[in-house]
PDB file of N, CA and C in Angstrom:
ATOM      1  N   MET A   1     -18.007  12.521 -71.391  1.00  0.00           N
ATOM      2  CA  MET A   1     -18.646  12.267 -70.111  1.00  0.00           C
ATOM      3  C   MET A   1     -20.138  12.076 -70.347  1.00  0.00           C
ATOM      4  N   SER A   2     -20.705  11.146 -69.635  1.00  0.00           N
ATOM      5  CA  SER A   2     -22.142  10.935 -69.749  1.00  0.00           C
ATOM      6  C   SER A   2     -22.715  10.644 -68.364  1.00  0.00           C
ATOM      7  N   VAL A   3     -23.991  10.892 -68.256  1.00  0.00           N
ATOM      8  CA  VAL A   3     -24.711  10.700 -67.000  1.00  0.00           C
ATOM      9  C   VAL A   3     -25.545   9.428 -67.114  1.00  0.00           C
ATOM     10  N   THR A   4     -25.527   8.607 -66.072  1.00  0.00           N
ATOM     11  CA  THR A   4     -26.340   7.398 -66.054  1.00  0.00           C
ATOM     12  C   THR A   4     -27.583   7.631 -65.194  1.00  0.00           C
ATOM     13  N   THR A   5     -28.532   6.724 -65.320  1.00  0.00           N
ATOM     14  CA  THR A   5     -29.725   6.838 -64.477  1.00  0.00           C
ATOM     15  C   THR A   5     -29.356   6.655 -63.005  1.00  0.00           C
ATOM     16  N   ASP A   6     -28.311   5.867 -62.727  1.00  0.00           N
ATOM     17  CA  ASP A   6     -27.850   5.723 -61.343  1.00  0.00           C
ATOM     18  C   ASP A   6     -27.341   7.053 -60.801  1.00  0.00           C
ATOM     19  N   ASP A   7     -26.645   7.825 -61.658  1.00  0.00           N
ATOM     20  CA  ASP A   7     -26.183   9.154 -61.249  1.00  0.00           C
ATOM     21  C   ASP A   7     -27.377  10.050 -60.920  1.00  0.00           C
ATOM     22  N   ILE A   8     -28.400   9.997 -61.760  1.00  0.00           N
ATOM     23  CA  ILE A   8     -29.598  10.817 -61.550  1.00  0.00           C
ATOM     24  C   ILE A   8     -30.258  10.445 -60.224  1.00  0.00           C
ATOM     25  N   LYS A   9     -30.383   9.157 -59.968  1.00  0.00           N
ATOM     26  CA  LYS A   9     -31.031   8.709 -58.731  1.00  0.00           C
ATOM     27  C   LYS A   9     -30.211   9.081 -57.497  1.00  0.00           C
ATOM     28  N   LYS A  10     -28.881   9.011 -57.604  1.00  0.00           N
ATOM     29  CA  LYS A  10     -28.027   9.377 -56.478  1.00  0.00           C
ATOM     30  C   LYS A  10     -28.163  10.869 -56.161  1.00  0.00           C
ATOM     31  N   VAL A  11     -28.115  11.707 -57.197  1.00  0.00           N
ATOM     32  CA  VAL A  11     -28.238  13.153 -56.989  1.00  0.00           C
ATOM     33  C   VAL A  11     -29.630  13.505 -56.486  1.00  0.00           C
ATOM     34  N   SER A  12     -30.655  12.850 -57.026  1.00  0.00           N
ATOM     35  CA  SER A  12     -32.015  13.143 -56.568  1.00  0.00           C
ATOM     36  C   SER A  12     -32.186  12.736 -55.107  1.00  0.00           C
ATOM     37  N   HIS A  13     -31.538  11.651 -54.696  1.00  0.00           N
ATOM     38  CA  HIS A  13     -31.584  11.247 -53.289  1.00  0.00           C
ATOM     39  C   HIS A  13     -30.903  12.286 -52.410  1.00  0.00           C
ATOM     40  N   LEU A  14     -29.724  12.756 -52.843  1.00  0.00           N
ATOM     41  CA  LEU A  14     -29.002  13.765 -52.071  1.00  0.00           C
ATOM     42  C   LEU A  14     -29.769  15.074 -51.991  1.00  0.00           C
ATOM     43  N   ALA A  15     -30.512  15.406 -53.062  1.00  0.00           N
ATOM     44  CA  ALA A  15     -31.288  16.638 -53.098  1.00  0.00           C
ATOM     45  C   ALA A  15     -32.666  16.461 -52.475  1.00  0.00           C
ATOM     46  N   ARG A  16     -32.970  15.254 -52.058  1.00  0.00           N
ATOM     47  CA  ARG A  16     -34.274  14.943 -51.461  1.00  0.00           C
ATOM     48  C   ARG A  16     -35.407  15.230 -52.439  1.00  0.00           C
ATOM     49  N   ILE A  17     -35.201  14.814 -53.689  1.00  0.00           N
ATOM     50  CA  ILE A  17     -36.199  14.996 -54.746  1.00  0.00           C
ATOM     51  C   ILE A  17     -36.647  13.617 -55.207  1.00  0.00           C
ATOM     52  N   MET A  18     -37.946  13.419 -55.278  1.00  0.00           N
ATOM     53  CA  MET A  18     -38.480  12.150 -55.752  1.00  0.00           C
ATOM     54  C   MET A  18     -38.411  12.099 -57.280  1.00  0.00           C
ATOM     55  N   VAL A  19     -37.692  11.111 -57.818  1.00  0.00           N
ATOM     56  CA  VAL A  19     -37.576  10.929 -59.264  1.00  0.00           C
ATOM     57  C   VAL A  19     -37.846   9.461 -59.553  1.00  0.00           C
ATOM     58  N   ASP A  20     -38.875   9.199 -60.373  1.00  0.00           N
ATOM     59  CA  ASP A  20     -39.149   7.809 -60.727  1.00  0.00           C
ATOM     60  C   ASP A  20     -38.286   7.411 -61.930  1.00  0.00           C
ATOM     61  N   ASP A  21     -38.387   6.139 -62.342  1.00  0.00           N
ATOM     62  CA  ASP A  21     -37.533   5.625 -63.416  1.00  0.00           C
ATOM     63  C   ASP A  21     -37.742   6.367 -64.737  1.00  0.00           C
ATOM     64  N   GLN A  22     -38.987   6.673 -65.059  1.00  0.00           N
ATOM     65  CA  GLN A  22     -39.272   7.359 -66.313  1.00  0.00           C
ATOM     66  C   GLN A  22     -38.683   8.776 -66.303  1.00  0.00           C
ATOM     67  N   GLN A  23     -38.836   9.498 -65.193  1.00  0.00           N
ATOM     68  CA  GLN A  23     -38.270  10.834 -65.082  1.00  0.00           C
ATOM     69  C   GLN A  23     -36.743  10.780 -65.129  1.00  0.00           C
ATOM     70  N   ALA A  24     -36.159   9.750 -64.524  1.00  0.00           N
ATOM     71  CA  ALA A  24     -34.699   9.605 -64.526  1.00  0.00           C
ATOM     72  C   ALA A  24     -34.173   9.435 -65.947  1.00  0.00           C
ATOM     73  N   GLU A  25     -34.894   8.683 -66.760  1.00  0.00           N
ATOM     74  CA  GLU A  25     -34.467   8.488 -68.152  1.00  0.00           C
ATOM     75  C   GLU A  25     -34.549   9.792 -68.939  1.00  0.00           C
ATOM     76  N   VAL A  26     -35.628  10.556 -68.724  1.00  0.00           N
ATOM     77  CA  VAL A  26     -35.776  11.844 -69.422  1.00  0.00           C
ATOM     78  C   VAL A  26     -34.670  12.801 -68.985  1.00  0.00           C
ATOM     79  N   LEU A  27     -34.399  12.857 -67.677  1.00  0.00           N
ATOM     80  CA  LEU A  27     -33.330  13.722 -67.177  1.00  0.00           C
ATOM     81  C   LEU A  27     -31.972  13.281 -67.704  1.00  0.00           C
ATOM     82  N   GLN A  28     -31.756  11.981 -67.796  1.00  0.00           N
ATOM     83  CA  GLN A  28     -30.496  11.459 -68.303  1.00  0.00           C
ATOM     84  C   GLN A  28     -30.273  11.932 -69.743  1.00  0.00           C
ATOM     85  N   GLU A  29     -31.283  11.804 -70.579  1.00  0.00           N
ATOM     86  CA  GLU A  29     -31.162  12.240 -71.971  1.00  0.00           C
ATOM     87  C   GLU A  29     -30.897  13.739 -72.055  1.00  0.00           C
ATOM     88  N   SER A  30     -31.626  14.516 -71.269  1.00  0.00           N
ATOM     89  CA  SER A  30     -31.463  15.972 -71.296  1.00  0.00           C
ATOM     90  C   SER A  30     -30.068  16.380 -70.840  1.00  0.00           C
ATOM     91  N   LEU A  31     -29.620  15.816 -69.725  1.00  0.00           N
ATOM     92  CA  LEU A  31     -28.299  16.176 -69.208  1.00  0.00           C
ATOM     93  C   LEU A  31     -27.180  15.733 -70.143  1.00  0.00           C
ATOM     94  N   ASN A  32     -27.341  14.579 -70.775  1.00  0.00           N
ATOM     95  CA  ASN A  32     -26.322  14.124 -71.718  1.00  0.00           C
ATOM     96  C   ASN A  32     -26.246  15.035 -72.941  1.00  0.00           C
ATOM     97  N   ARG A  33     -27.401  15.570 -73.380  1.00  0.00           N
ATOM     98  CA  ARG A  33     -27.375  16.534 -74.497  1.00  0.00           C
ATOM     99  C   ARG A  33     -26.642  17.803 -74.086  1.00  0.00           C
ATOM    100  N   VAL A  34     -26.888  18.274 -72.872  1.00  0.00           N
ATOM    101  CA  VAL A  34     -26.207  19.480 -72.376  1.00  0.00           C
ATOM    102  C   VAL A  34     -24.703  19.231 -72.277  1.00  0.00           C
ATOM    103  N   LEU A  35     -24.322  18.100 -71.712  1.00  0.00           N
ATOM    104  CA  LEU A  35     -22.902  17.784 -71.574  1.00  0.00           C
ATOM    105  C   LEU A  35     -22.219  17.649 -72.931  1.00  0.00           C
ATOM    106  N   HIS A  36     -22.909  17.068 -73.897  1.00  0.00           N
ATOM    107  CA  HIS A  36     -22.349  16.953 -75.250  1.00  0.00           C
ATOM    108  C   HIS A  36     -22.114  18.341 -75.839  1.00  0.00           C
ATOM    109  N   PHE A  37     -23.062  19.238 -75.626  1.00  0.00           N
ATOM    110  CA  PHE A  37     -22.919  20.600 -76.124  1.00  0.00           C
ATOM    111  C   PHE A  37     -21.721  21.292 -75.468  1.00  0.00           C
ATOM    112  N   VAL A  38     -21.578  21.129 -74.150  1.00  0.00           N
ATOM    113  CA  VAL A  38     -20.482  21.768 -73.423  1.00  0.00           C
ATOM    114  C   VAL A  38     -19.139  21.169 -73.844  1.00  0.00           C
ATOM    115  N   GLU A  39     -19.099  19.873 -74.106  1.00  0.00           N
ATOM    116  CA  GLU A  39     -17.858  19.228 -74.539  1.00  0.00           C
ATOM    117  C   GLU A  39     -17.359  19.778 -75.870  1.00  0.00           C
ATOM    118  N   GLN A  40     -18.256  20.334 -76.666  1.00  0.00           N
ATOM    119  CA  GLN A  40     -17.846  20.928 -77.942  1.00  0.00           C
ATOM    120  C   GLN A  40     -16.946  22.137 -77.727  1.00  0.00           C
ATOM    121  N   LEU A  41     -16.987  22.726 -76.538  1.00  0.00           N
ATOM    122  CA  LEU A  41     -16.115  23.856 -76.241  1.00  0.00           C
ATOM    123  C   LEU A  41     -14.643  23.456 -76.274  1.00  0.00           C
ATOM    124  N   ASN A  42     -14.361  22.177 -76.031  1.00  0.00           N
ATOM    125  CA  ASN A  42     -12.977  21.701 -76.096  1.00  0.00           C
ATOM    126  C   ASN A  42     -12.413  21.789 -77.506  1.00  0.00           C
ATOM    127  N   ASP A  43     -13.255  21.811 -78.513  1.00  0.00           N
ATOM    128  CA  ASP A  43     -12.805  21.848 -79.903  1.00  0.00           C
ATOM    129  C   ASP A  43     -12.483  23.258 -80.394  1.00  0.00           C
ATOM    130  N   ILE A  44     -12.757  24.272 -79.570  1.00  0.00           N
ATOM    131  CA  ILE A  44     -12.507  25.646 -79.981  1.00  0.00           C
ATOM    132  C   ILE A  44     -11.013  25.936 -79.897  1.00  0.00           C
ATOM    133  N   ASP A  45     -10.481  26.509 -80.969  1.00  0.00           N
ATOM    134  CA  ASP A  45      -9.070  26.869 -81.018  1.00  0.00           C
ATOM    135  C   ASP A  45      -8.874  28.218 -80.328  1.00  0.00           C
ATOM    136  N   CYS A  46      -8.206  28.190 -79.199  1.00  0.00           N
ATOM    137  CA  CYS A  46      -7.965  29.417 -78.424  1.00  0.00           C
ATOM    138  C   CYS A  46      -6.508  29.853 -78.512  1.00  0.00           C
ATOM    139  N   SER A  47      -5.755  29.266 -79.423  1.00  0.00           N
ATOM    140  CA  SER A  47      -4.322  29.568 -79.501  1.00  0.00           C
ATOM    141  C   SER A  47      -4.059  31.020 -79.897  1.00  0.00           C
ATOM    142  N   ALA A  48      -4.998  31.663 -80.569  1.00  0.00           N
ATOM    143  CA  ALA A  48      -4.796  33.045 -80.989  1.00  0.00           C
ATOM    144  C   ALA A  48      -5.029  34.044 -79.855  1.00  0.00           C
ATOM    145  N   LEU A  49      -5.582  33.588 -78.753  1.00  0.00           N
ATOM    146  CA  LEU A  49      -5.846  34.483 -77.636  1.00  0.00           C
ATOM    147  C   LEU A  49      -4.585  34.667 -76.804  1.00  0.00           C
ATOM    148  N   ASP A  50      -4.317  35.898 -76.430  1.00  0.00           N
ATOM    149  CA  ASP A  50      -3.154  36.216 -75.618  1.00  0.00           C
ATOM    150  C   ASP A  50      -3.538  36.091 -74.144  1.00  0.00           C
ATOM    151  N   ASP A  51      -2.864  35.199 -73.421  1.00  0.00           N
ATOM    152  CA  ASP A  51      -3.189  34.961 -72.015  1.00  0.00           C
ATOM    153  C   ASP A  51      -2.881  36.153 -71.120  1.00  0.00           C
ATOM    154  N   SER A  52      -2.004  37.041 -71.566  1.00  0.00           N
ATOM    155  CA  SER A  52      -1.617  38.162 -70.720  1.00  0.00           C
ATOM    156  C   SER A  52      -2.604  39.324 -70.794  1.00  0.00           C
ATOM    157  N   ILE A  53      -3.518  39.289 -71.751  1.00  0.00           N
ATOM    158  CA  ILE A  53      -4.490  40.364 -71.909  1.00  0.00           C
ATOM    159  C   ILE A  53      -5.695  40.087 -71.023  1.00  0.00           C
ATOM    160  N   GLN A  54      -6.137  41.113 -70.322  1.00  0.00           N
ATOM    161  CA  GLN A  54      -7.351  40.988 -69.526  1.00  0.00           C
ATOM    162  C   GLN A  54      -8.497  41.524 -70.361  1.00  0.00           C
ATOM    163  N   TYR A  55      -9.345  40.630 -70.809  1.00  0.00           N
ATOM    164  CA  TYR A  55     -10.463  41.028 -71.651  1.00  0.00           C
ATOM    165  C   TYR A  55     -11.544  41.701 -70.808  1.00  0.00           C
ATOM    166  N   ALA A  56     -12.152  42.721 -71.374  1.00  0.00           N
ATOM    167  CA  ALA A  56     -13.168  43.492 -70.645  1.00  0.00           C
ATOM    168  C   ALA A  56     -14.400  42.627 -70.395  1.00  0.00           C
ATOM    169  N   SER A  57     -14.929  42.765 -69.221  1.00  0.00           N
ATOM    170  CA  SER A  57     -16.148  42.044 -68.870  1.00  0.00           C
ATOM    171  C   SER A  57     -17.348  42.885 -69.259  1.00  0.00           C
ATOM    172  N   SER A  58     -18.395  42.223 -69.695  1.00  0.00           N
ATOM    173  CA  SER A  58     -19.603  42.955 -70.062  1.00  0.00           C
ATOM    174  C   SER A  58     -20.488  43.225 -68.850  1.00  0.00           C
ATOM    175  N   LEU A  59     -20.071  42.735 -67.679  1.00  0.00           N
ATOM    176  CA  LEU A  59     -20.856  42.957 -66.472  1.00  0.00           C
ATOM    177  C   LEU A  59     -20.448  44.279 -65.836  1.00  0.00           C
ATOM    178  N   HIS A  60     -21.413  45.038 -65.445  1.00  0.00           N
ATOM    179  CA  HIS A  60     -21.146  46.311 -64.801  1.00  0.00           C
ATOM    180  C   HIS A  60     -21.752  46.287 -63.401  1.00  0.00           C
ATOM    181  N   GLU A  61     -20.937  46.658 -62.437  1.00  0.00           N
ATOM    182  CA  GLU A  61     -21.459  46.700 -61.081  1.00  0.00           C
ATOM    183  C   GLU A  61     -22.365  47.908 -60.928  1.00  0.00           C
ATOM    184  N   ARG A  62     -23.363  47.739 -60.111  1.00  0.00           N
ATOM    185  CA  ARG A  62     -24.264  48.847 -59.834  1.00  0.00           C
ATOM    186  C   ARG A  62     -24.457  48.920 -58.333  1.00  0.00           C
ATOM    187  N   GLU A  63     -24.800  50.086 -57.887  1.00  0.00           N
ATOM    188  CA  GLU A  63     -25.045  50.267 -56.471  1.00  0.00           C
ATOM    189  C   GLU A  63     -26.449  49.778 -56.140  1.00  0.00           C
ATOM    190  N   ASP A  64     -26.564  48.998 -55.077  1.00  0.00           N
ATOM    191  CA  ASP A  64     -27.883  48.546 -54.643  1.00  0.00           C
ATOM    192  C   ASP A  64     -28.606  49.689 -53.954  1.00  0.00           C
ATOM    193  N   VAL A  65     -29.800  49.960 -54.418  1.00  0.00           N
ATOM    194  CA  VAL A  65     -30.598  51.040 -53.857  1.00  0.00           C
ATOM    195  C   VAL A  65     -31.886  50.441 -53.309  1.00  0.00           C
ATOM    196  N   VAL A  66     -32.172  50.710 -52.061  1.00  0.00           N
ATOM    197  CA  VAL A  66     -33.395  50.208 -51.436  1.00  0.00           C
ATOM    198  C   VAL A  66     -34.528  51.148 -51.796  1.00  0.00           C
ATOM    199  N   GLU A  67     -35.590  50.567 -52.333  1.00  0.00           N
ATOM    200  CA  GLU A  67     -36.760  51.363 -52.695  1.00  0.00           C
ATOM    201  C   GLU A  67     -37.988  50.755 -52.045  1.00  0.00           C
ATOM    202  N   ASP A  68     -38.970  51.572 -51.788  1.00  0.00           N
ATOM    203  CA  ASP A  68     -40.219  51.065 -51.245  1.00  0.00           C
ATOM    204  C   ASP A  68     -40.920  50.202 -52.276  1.00  0.00           C
ATOM    205  N   CYS A  69     -41.505  49.124 -51.813  1.00  0.00           N
ATOM    206  CA  CYS A  69     -42.200  48.194 -52.686  1.00  0.00           C
ATOM    207  C   CYS A  69     -43.581  48.757 -53.044  1.00  0.00           C
ATOM    208  N   ASP A  70     -44.009  48.431 -54.238  1.00  0.00           N
ATOM    209  CA  ASP A  70     -45.344  48.842 -54.668  1.00  0.00           C
ATOM    210  C   ASP A  70     -46.380  48.198 -53.742  1.00  0.00           C
ATOM    211  N   ARG A  71     -47.335  48.962 -53.299  1.00  0.00           N
ATOM    212  CA  ARG A  71     -48.347  48.480 -52.345  1.00  0.00           C
ATOM    213  C   ARG A  71     -49.125  47.292 -52.913  1.00  0.00           C
ATOM    214  N   ALA A  72     -49.424  47.304 -54.203  1.00  0.00           N
ATOM    215  CA  ALA A  72     -50.177  46.211 -54.817  1.00  0.00           C
ATOM    216  C   ALA A  72     -49.394  44.903 -54.760  1.00  0.00           C
ATOM    217  N   VAL A  73     -48.074  44.984 -54.858  1.00  0.00           N
ATOM    218  CA  VAL A  73     -47.245  43.784 -54.786  1.00  0.00           C
ATOM    219  C   VAL A  73     -47.318  43.208 -53.375  1.00  0.00           C
ATOM    220  N   MET A  74     -47.190  44.054 -52.374  1.00  0.00           N
ATOM    221  CA  MET A  74     -47.241  43.575 -50.994  1.00  0.00           C
ATOM    222  C   MET A  74     -48.621  43.025 -50.638  1.00  0.00           C
ATOM    223  N   ASP A  75     -49.670  43.574 -51.223  1.00  0.00           N
ATOM    224  CA  ASP A  75     -51.018  43.079 -50.952  1.00  0.00           C
ATOM    225  C   ASP A  75     -51.206  41.657 -51.461  1.00  0.00           C
ATOM    226  N   ASN A  76     -50.441  41.258 -52.493  1.00  0.00           N
ATOM    227  CA  ASN A  76     -50.553  39.914 -53.059  1.00  0.00           C
ATOM    228  C   ASN A  76     -49.618  38.906 -52.401  1.00  0.00           C
ATOM    229  N   ALA A  77     -48.777  39.339 -51.475  1.00  0.00           N
ATOM    230  CA  ALA A  77     -47.832  38.442 -50.805  1.00  0.00           C
ATOM    231  C   ALA A  77     -48.587  37.458 -49.925  1.00  0.00           C
ATOM    232  N   THR A  78     -48.181  36.191 -49.968  1.00  0.00           N
ATOM    233  CA  THR A  78     -48.833  35.183 -49.130  1.00  0.00           C
ATOM    234  C   THR A  78     -48.469  35.375 -47.662  1.00  0.00           C
ATOM    235  N   GLN A  79     -47.206  35.757 -47.409  1.00  0.00           N
ATOM    236  CA  GLN A  79     -46.783  36.048 -46.046  1.00  0.00           C
ATOM    237  C   GLN A  79     -45.930  37.309 -46.069  1.00  0.00           C
ATOM    238  N   LYS A  80     -46.182  38.191 -45.132  1.00  0.00           N
ATOM    239  CA  LYS A  80     -45.382  39.416 -45.048  1.00  0.00           C
ATOM    240  C   LYS A  80     -45.258  39.814 -43.591  1.00  0.00           C
ATOM    241  N   GLU A  81     -44.195  40.533 -43.319  1.00  0.00           N
ATOM    242  CA  GLU A  81     -43.935  40.993 -41.966  1.00  0.00           C
ATOM    243  C   GLU A  81     -43.165  42.309 -42.053  1.00  0.00           C
ATOM    244  N   ARG A  82     -43.657  43.342 -41.451  1.00  0.00           N
ATOM    245  CA  ARG A  82     -43.041  44.674 -41.458  1.00  0.00           C
ATOM    246  C   ARG A  82     -42.684  45.129 -42.872  1.00  0.00           C
ATOM    247  N   ASN A  83     -43.630  45.002 -43.792  1.00  0.00           N
ATOM    248  CA  ASN A  83     -43.490  45.430 -45.180  1.00  0.00           C
ATOM    249  C   ASN A  83     -42.373  44.679 -45.919  1.00  0.00           C
ATOM    250  N   MET A  84     -42.149  43.400 -45.531  1.00  0.00           N
ATOM    251  CA  MET A  84     -41.159  42.553 -46.192  1.00  0.00           C
ATOM    252  C   MET A  84     -41.796  41.193 -46.473  1.00  0.00           C
ATOM    253  N   PHE A  85     -41.320  40.535 -47.524  1.00  0.00           N
ATOM    254  CA  PHE A  85     -41.780  39.189 -47.843  1.00  0.00           C
ATOM    255  C   PHE A  85     -41.191  38.201 -46.851  1.00  0.00           C
ATOM    256  N   VAL A  86     -41.979  37.241 -46.405  1.00  0.00           N
ATOM    257  CA  VAL A  86     -41.510  36.162 -45.556  1.00  0.00           C
ATOM    258  C   VAL A  86     -41.369  34.927 -46.444  1.00  0.00           C
ATOM    259  N   VAL A  87     -40.163  34.341 -46.452  1.00  0.00           N
ATOM    260  CA  VAL A  87     -39.889  33.175 -47.278  1.00  0.00           C
ATOM    261  C   VAL A  87     -39.388  32.049 -46.381  1.00  0.00           C
ATOM    262  N   PRO A  88     -39.559  30.781 -46.817  1.00  0.00           N
ATOM    263  CA  PRO A  88     -39.100  29.669 -45.988  1.00  0.00           C
ATOM    264  C   PRO A  88     -37.579  29.658 -45.855  1.00  0.00           C
ATOM    265  N   LYS A  89     -37.097  29.224 -44.703  1.00  0.00           N
ATOM    266  CA  LYS A  89     -35.674  29.099 -44.470  1.00  0.00           C
ATOM    267  C   LYS A  89     -35.135  27.945 -45.319  1.00  0.00           C
ATOM    268  N   MET A  90     -34.072  28.183 -46.081  1.00  0.00           N
ATOM    269  CA  MET A  90     -33.552  27.168 -46.995  1.00  0.00           C
ATOM    270  C   MET A  90     -32.279  26.501 -46.462  1.00  0.00           C
ATOM    271  N   VAL A  91     -31.579  27.131 -45.541  1.00  0.00           N
ATOM    272  CA  VAL A  91     -30.328  26.594 -45.007  1.00  0.00           C
ATOM    273  C   VAL A  91     -30.526  26.308 -43.522  1.00  0.00           C
ATOM    274  N   GLY A  92     -30.085  25.129 -43.097  1.00  0.00           N
ATOM    275  CA  GLY A  92     -30.279  24.704 -41.712  1.00  0.00           C
ATOM    276  C   GLY A  92     -29.410  25.336 -40.756  1.00  0.00           C
TER     277      GLY A  92
END
């Protein structure tokens, strides 16, 4: 699989990102290198792995604990409200 500059321009249009021709070529080369690397995973022999075994995950869940923010951090915030950071809305 490979990415064309037309693919880059289509995705950039959908993402509302301005990408000129030179940037599209650089992105195309970068993405094609990533895809080539990922395609190498198809060459890995997994026949020795037993599908019925559930392999342990290295991720450990932790309990979320709310802590007070350091005052110096809040003093540097561009926008804050009731001791919380104000960020732009990303979803319509």
